[in-house]
């Protein structure tokens, strides 16, 4: 048999298996960090510390009953202020976010805790909170991420995640998995749900229920990543080469013969 589908891990050079292993280890740690980042960015926006569909609804489509400032202080910025000072800002927001109350109660808190980052010199991408006019913009109704922000995040997400799963899928292609359709499905799923994930960011602005599609897409992506990671690592170093490999044509071709 001169035509082969792929070469199983056990027949690859040691140097290539070491390379694959190191890549998978780094990607595994990176994936865990990404999950932590998602939690830190979105959990708590609805007032509950656990991440939920409502948190994602608020992140992408906004919060009809709240403001951008309140959503941030209940979510990713929660740890930046003591509870009593956060409550003082919430009270000011719920009382109408008036300027006279801002100068007396809120501005001292912002000057002490927020200005170090929220000024154009430190980070031009963050809201400028140096004066009431800047704070008033984030004290307005929370309408979620803007379309320009979604476009910017989308193209970074699409390119980077595609690159990661191309490498993971290429490594996994050397694994022995039967039936073959299951192996192909595991390789294809992350790319399909990547599209549904990003599309749901925009669709959530039309109907908030699409936030659940973000969660479902992320779950399928994580399961596919985990399956390919575990199977690849196991077959590279611990698993026994199945006897069926020689019958399936997945053995190395040496000098044009198998």
Protein backbone atom coordinates (compact mmCIF):
# COMPACT_ATOMS: atom_id res chain seq x y z
CA UNK A 1 0.00 0.00 0.00
CA UNK A 2 1.76 3.14 -1.21
CA UNK A 3 -0.95 5.68 -0.50
CA UNK A 4 -1.34 6.66 3.14
CA UNK A 5 -3.79 8.86 5.01
CA UNK A 6 -1.51 10.03 7.80
CA UNK A 7 1.41 8.84 9.85
CA UNK A 8 0.56 7.84 13.39
CA UNK A 9 2.36 9.60 16.25
CA UNK A 10 4.35 6.47 17.14
CA UNK A 11 6.04 6.50 13.74
CA UNK A 12 7.04 10.17 13.89
CA UNK A 13 10.57 11.22 14.86
CA UNK A 14 11.06 11.90 18.55
CA UNK A 15 11.88 15.55 17.80
CA UNK A 16 8.53 16.05 16.09
CA UNK A 17 6.61 14.44 18.95
CA UNK A 18 8.44 16.69 21.41
CA UNK A 19 7.56 19.71 19.26
CA UNK A 20 3.88 18.67 19.13
CA UNK A 21 3.84 18.09 22.89
CA UNK A 22 5.31 21.49 23.72
CA UNK A 23 2.83 23.23 21.42
CA UNK A 24 -0.10 21.39 23.01
CA UNK A 25 1.13 22.19 26.52
CA UNK A 26 1.38 25.91 25.75
CA UNK A 27 -1.99 25.93 23.98
CA UNK A 28 -3.56 24.08 26.91
CA UNK A 29 -2.35 26.67 29.39
CA UNK A 30 -3.37 29.45 27.00
CA UNK A 31 -6.88 28.01 26.69
CA UNK A 32 -7.26 27.93 30.47
CA UNK A 33 -6.10 31.56 30.67
CA UNK A 34 -8.64 32.48 27.98
CA UNK A 35 -11.44 30.90 30.03
CA UNK A 36 -10.33 32.84 33.10
CA UNK A 37 -10.27 36.04 31.03
CA UNK A 38 -13.83 35.40 29.79
CA UNK A 39 -14.93 34.92 33.40
CA UNK A 40 -13.19 38.08 34.58
CA UNK A 41 -14.61 40.13 31.69
CA UNK A 42 -18.25 39.07 31.90
CA UNK A 43 -19.15 37.41 35.21
CA UNK A 44 -21.12 39.54 37.65
CA UNK A 45 -22.60 42.07 35.23
CA UNK A 46 -26.10 41.03 36.31
CA UNK A 47 -25.23 41.26 40.01
CA UNK A 48 -24.70 37.50 40.39
CA UNK A 49 -21.04 36.47 40.76
CA UNK A 50 -21.55 33.40 38.54
CA UNK A 51 -21.32 33.84 34.77
CA UNK A 52 -24.66 33.46 33.00
CA UNK A 53 -26.48 34.10 29.77
CA UNK A 54 -27.68 37.40 31.18
CA UNK A 55 -24.07 38.53 31.69
CA UNK A 56 -23.39 37.97 27.99
CA UNK A 57 -26.66 39.67 27.03
CA UNK A 58 -25.52 42.75 28.96
CA UNK A 59 -22.01 42.60 27.48
CA UNK A 60 -23.14 42.48 23.85
CA UNK A 61 -26.65 43.99 23.73
CA UNK A 62 -26.54 46.22 26.81
CA UNK A 63 -28.60 46.52 29.96
CA UNK A 64 -31.92 48.38 29.54
CA UNK A 65 -32.19 48.93 33.29
CA UNK A 66 -28.57 49.94 33.92
CA UNK A 67 -25.63 52.01 32.73
CA UNK A 68 -22.21 51.18 31.29
CA UNK A 69 -20.56 52.34 34.51
CA UNK A 70 -22.74 50.13 36.70
CA UNK A 71 -22.29 47.10 34.41
CA UNK A 72 -18.52 47.55 34.53
CA UNK A 73 -18.43 47.96 38.33
CA UNK A 74 -20.59 44.86 38.80
CA UNK A 75 -18.48 42.92 36.31
CA UNK A 76 -14.84 43.29 35.21
CA UNK A 77 -14.12 46.38 37.33
CA UNK A 78 -15.69 45.06 40.53
CA UNK A 79 -12.37 44.48 42.30
CA UNK A 80 -11.13 47.99 41.55
CA UNK A 81 -13.25 49.65 44.25
CA UNK A 82 -14.21 48.80 47.84
CA UNK A 83 -17.84 47.77 48.24
CA UNK A 84 -18.87 50.95 50.06
CA UNK A 85 -17.47 53.17 47.32
CA UNK A 86 -19.10 51.10 44.58
CA UNK A 87 -22.43 51.43 46.38
CA UNK A 88 -21.93 55.21 46.60
CA UNK A 89 -21.52 55.34 42.81
CA UNK A 90 -24.56 53.07 42.28
CA UNK A 91 -26.64 55.35 44.49
CA UNK A 92 -25.53 58.38 42.48
CA UNK A 93 -26.42 56.62 39.21
CA UNK A 94 -29.84 55.56 40.46
CA UNK A 95 -30.55 59.12 41.66
CA UNK A 96 -30.08 60.48 38.16
CA UNK A 97 -26.29 60.97 37.91
CA UNK A 98 -26.53 64.71 38.67
CA UNK A 99 -23.44 66.88 38.39
CA UNK A 100 -23.71 68.56 41.79
CA UNK A 101 -23.79 65.17 43.51
CA UNK A 102 -20.95 64.00 41.29
CA UNK A 103 -18.63 66.75 42.49
CA UNK A 104 -19.42 66.07 46.14
CA UNK A 105 -19.65 62.27 46.30
CA UNK A 106 -18.37 60.53 43.17
CA UNK A 107 -15.49 62.55 41.77
CA UNK A 108 -13.26 62.05 44.85
CA UNK A 109 -13.65 58.27 44.46
CA UNK A 110 -12.84 58.39 40.76
CA UNK A 111 -9.83 60.64 41.31
CA UNK A 112 -8.44 58.25 43.92
CA UNK A 113 -9.10 54.91 42.21
CA UNK A 114 -9.75 55.39 38.49
CA UNK A 115 -7.79 58.27 36.96
CA UNK A 116 -4.49 56.37 36.88
CA UNK A 117 -5.87 54.28 33.99
CA UNK A 118 -8.87 56.24 32.74
CA UNK A 119 -7.10 59.12 31.07
CA UNK A 120 -5.89 59.52 27.48
CA UNK A 121 -2.22 59.58 28.44
CA UNK A 122 -2.39 56.22 30.23
CA UNK A 123 -4.75 54.39 27.86
CA UNK A 124 -6.53 56.14 24.98
CA UNK A 125 -8.84 53.13 24.52
CA UNK A 126 -10.46 53.50 27.96
CA UNK A 127 -13.18 56.05 28.80
CA UNK A 128 -11.77 59.38 29.97
CA UNK A 129 -13.06 59.88 33.52
CA UNK A 130 -11.12 63.02 34.44
CA UNK A 131 -14.22 65.24 34.36
CA UNK A 132 -17.99 64.99 34.67
CA UNK A 133 -18.47 65.14 30.88
CA UNK A 134 -16.48 61.93 30.42
CA UNK A 135 -18.18 60.15 33.31
CA UNK A 136 -21.60 61.19 31.98
CA UNK A 137 -20.95 59.18 28.80
CA UNK A 138 -20.56 55.93 30.76
CA UNK A 139 -23.40 56.94 33.10
CA UNK A 140 -25.76 56.78 30.14
CA UNK A 141 -27.90 53.76 29.26
CA UNK A 142 -25.81 50.64 28.68
CA UNK A 143 -26.22 49.59 25.05
CA UNK A 144 -23.44 46.98 25.09
CA UNK A 145 -20.49 46.80 22.73
CA UNK A 146 -20.60 49.15 19.77
CA UNK A 147 -20.48 47.74 16.24
CA UNK A 148 -16.96 49.15 15.62
CA UNK A 149 -15.75 47.46 18.80
CA UNK A 150 -17.36 44.16 17.77
CA UNK A 151 -15.75 44.36 14.33
CA UNK A 152 -12.33 45.03 15.85
CA UNK A 153 -12.64 42.14 18.31
CA UNK A 154 -14.17 39.84 15.68
CA UNK A 155 -11.35 39.95 13.16
CA UNK A 156 -8.74 39.39 15.90
CA UNK A 157 -10.77 36.50 17.33
CA UNK A 158 -11.41 34.85 13.95
CA UNK A 159 -7.79 34.97 12.80
CA UNK A 160 -6.20 33.95 16.11
CA UNK A 161 -8.59 31.09 16.96
CA UNK A 162 -8.41 29.73 13.40
CA UNK A 163 -4.62 29.69 13.64
CA UNK A 164 -4.74 27.82 16.97
CA UNK A 165 -7.19 25.16 15.80
CA UNK A 166 -5.37 24.68 12.52
CA UNK A 167 -2.27 23.68 14.50
CA UNK A 168 -4.18 21.57 17.03
CA UNK A 169 -6.14 19.90 14.22
CA UNK A 170 -2.95 19.19 12.25
CA UNK A 171 -1.39 17.52 15.30
CA UNK A 172 -4.59 15.57 15.97
CA UNK A 173 -4.69 14.36 12.35
CA UNK A 174 -1.88 11.94 13.30
CA UNK A 175 -4.10 10.24 15.89
CA UNK A 176 -5.92 6.97 15.29
CA UNK A 177 -9.67 7.55 15.75
CA UNK A 178 -12.41 5.40 14.31
CA UNK A 179 -14.89 5.86 12.77
CA UNK A 180 -13.13 8.33 10.50
CA UNK A 181 -16.13 10.64 10.43
CA UNK A 182 -15.76 11.20 14.17
CA UNK A 183 -12.15 12.26 13.71
CA UNK A 184 -13.15 14.65 10.92
CA UNK A 185 -16.03 15.99 13.03
CA UNK A 186 -13.70 16.82 15.94
CA UNK A 187 -11.43 18.71 13.55
CA UNK A 188 -14.29 20.60 11.89
CA UNK A 189 -16.43 21.51 14.93
CA UNK A 190 -14.20 24.33 16.31
CA UNK A 191 -14.25 26.17 12.98
CA UNK A 192 -18.03 25.88 12.62
CA UNK A 193 -18.80 27.03 16.15
CA UNK A 194 -16.24 29.84 15.85
CA UNK A 195 -18.46 31.32 13.14
CA UNK A 196 -21.66 30.83 15.16
CA UNK A 197 -19.92 32.29 18.23
CA UNK A 198 -18.88 35.52 16.51
CA UNK A 199 -22.18 35.81 14.61
CA UNK A 200 -24.05 35.56 17.91
CA UNK A 201 -22.22 38.62 19.25
CA UNK A 202 -24.01 40.70 16.62
CA UNK A 203 -27.30 38.78 16.70
CA UNK A 204 -27.55 39.29 20.47
CA UNK A 205 -28.10 42.98 19.73
CA UNK A 206 -31.17 42.00 17.71
CA UNK A 207 -32.48 39.38 20.15
CA UNK A 208 -30.86 38.91 23.56
CA UNK A 209 -31.55 35.17 23.50
CA UNK A 210 -28.67 34.67 21.08
CA UNK A 211 -26.37 35.10 24.09
CA UNK A 212 -27.04 31.44 24.82
CA UNK A 213 -25.60 30.59 21.40
CA UNK A 214 -22.36 32.22 22.54
CA UNK A 215 -22.30 29.88 25.55
CA UNK A 216 -23.23 26.79 23.49
CA UNK A 217 -20.63 27.58 20.83
CA UNK A 218 -17.96 28.06 23.48
CA UNK A 219 -18.90 24.76 25.12
CA UNK A 220 -18.59 22.81 21.86
CA UNK A 221 -15.30 24.52 21.07
CA UNK A 222 -13.93 23.66 24.48
CA UNK A 223 -15.05 20.01 24.23
CA UNK A 224 -13.46 19.63 20.78
CA UNK A 225 -10.23 21.23 22.00
CA UNK A 226 -10.15 19.01 25.08
CA UNK A 227 -10.83 15.83 23.10
CA UNK A 228 -8.13 16.53 20.51
CA UNK A 229 -5.65 17.56 23.21
CA UNK A 230 -6.16 14.47 25.39
CA UNK A 231 -6.26 11.98 22.50
CA UNK A 232 -3.14 13.45 20.90
CA UNK A 233 -1.13 13.51 24.12
CA UNK A 234 -2.21 10.00 25.11
CA UNK A 235 -1.47 8.39 21.75
CA UNK A 236 1.85 10.22 21.43
CA UNK A 237 3.33 8.94 24.67
CA UNK A 238 1.18 6.38 26.47
CA UNK A 239 -1.22 4.56 24.15
CA UNK A 240 -0.40 1.38 22.27
CA UNK A 241 -0.45 1.50 18.48
CA UNK A 242 -3.62 -0.34 17.38
CA UNK A 243 -3.03 -3.43 15.26
CA UNK A 244 -5.55 -2.10 12.77
CA UNK A 245 -3.24 0.74 11.74
CA UNK A 246 -1.26 -1.49 9.39
CA UNK A 247 -4.51 -2.57 7.77
CA UNK A 248 -5.83 0.99 7.52
CA UNK A 249 -2.80 2.33 5.70
CA UNK A 250 -1.73 4.68 8.50
CA UNK A 251 1.89 3.57 8.66
CA UNK A 252 5.00 5.30 7.36
CA UNK A 253 6.14 4.86 3.81
CA UNK A 254 9.81 3.93 3.66
CA UNK A 255 11.67 3.90 0.33
CA UNK A 256 8.38 3.90 -1.50
CA UNK A 257 7.16 0.70 0.18
CA UNK A 258 4.95 -0.11 3.10
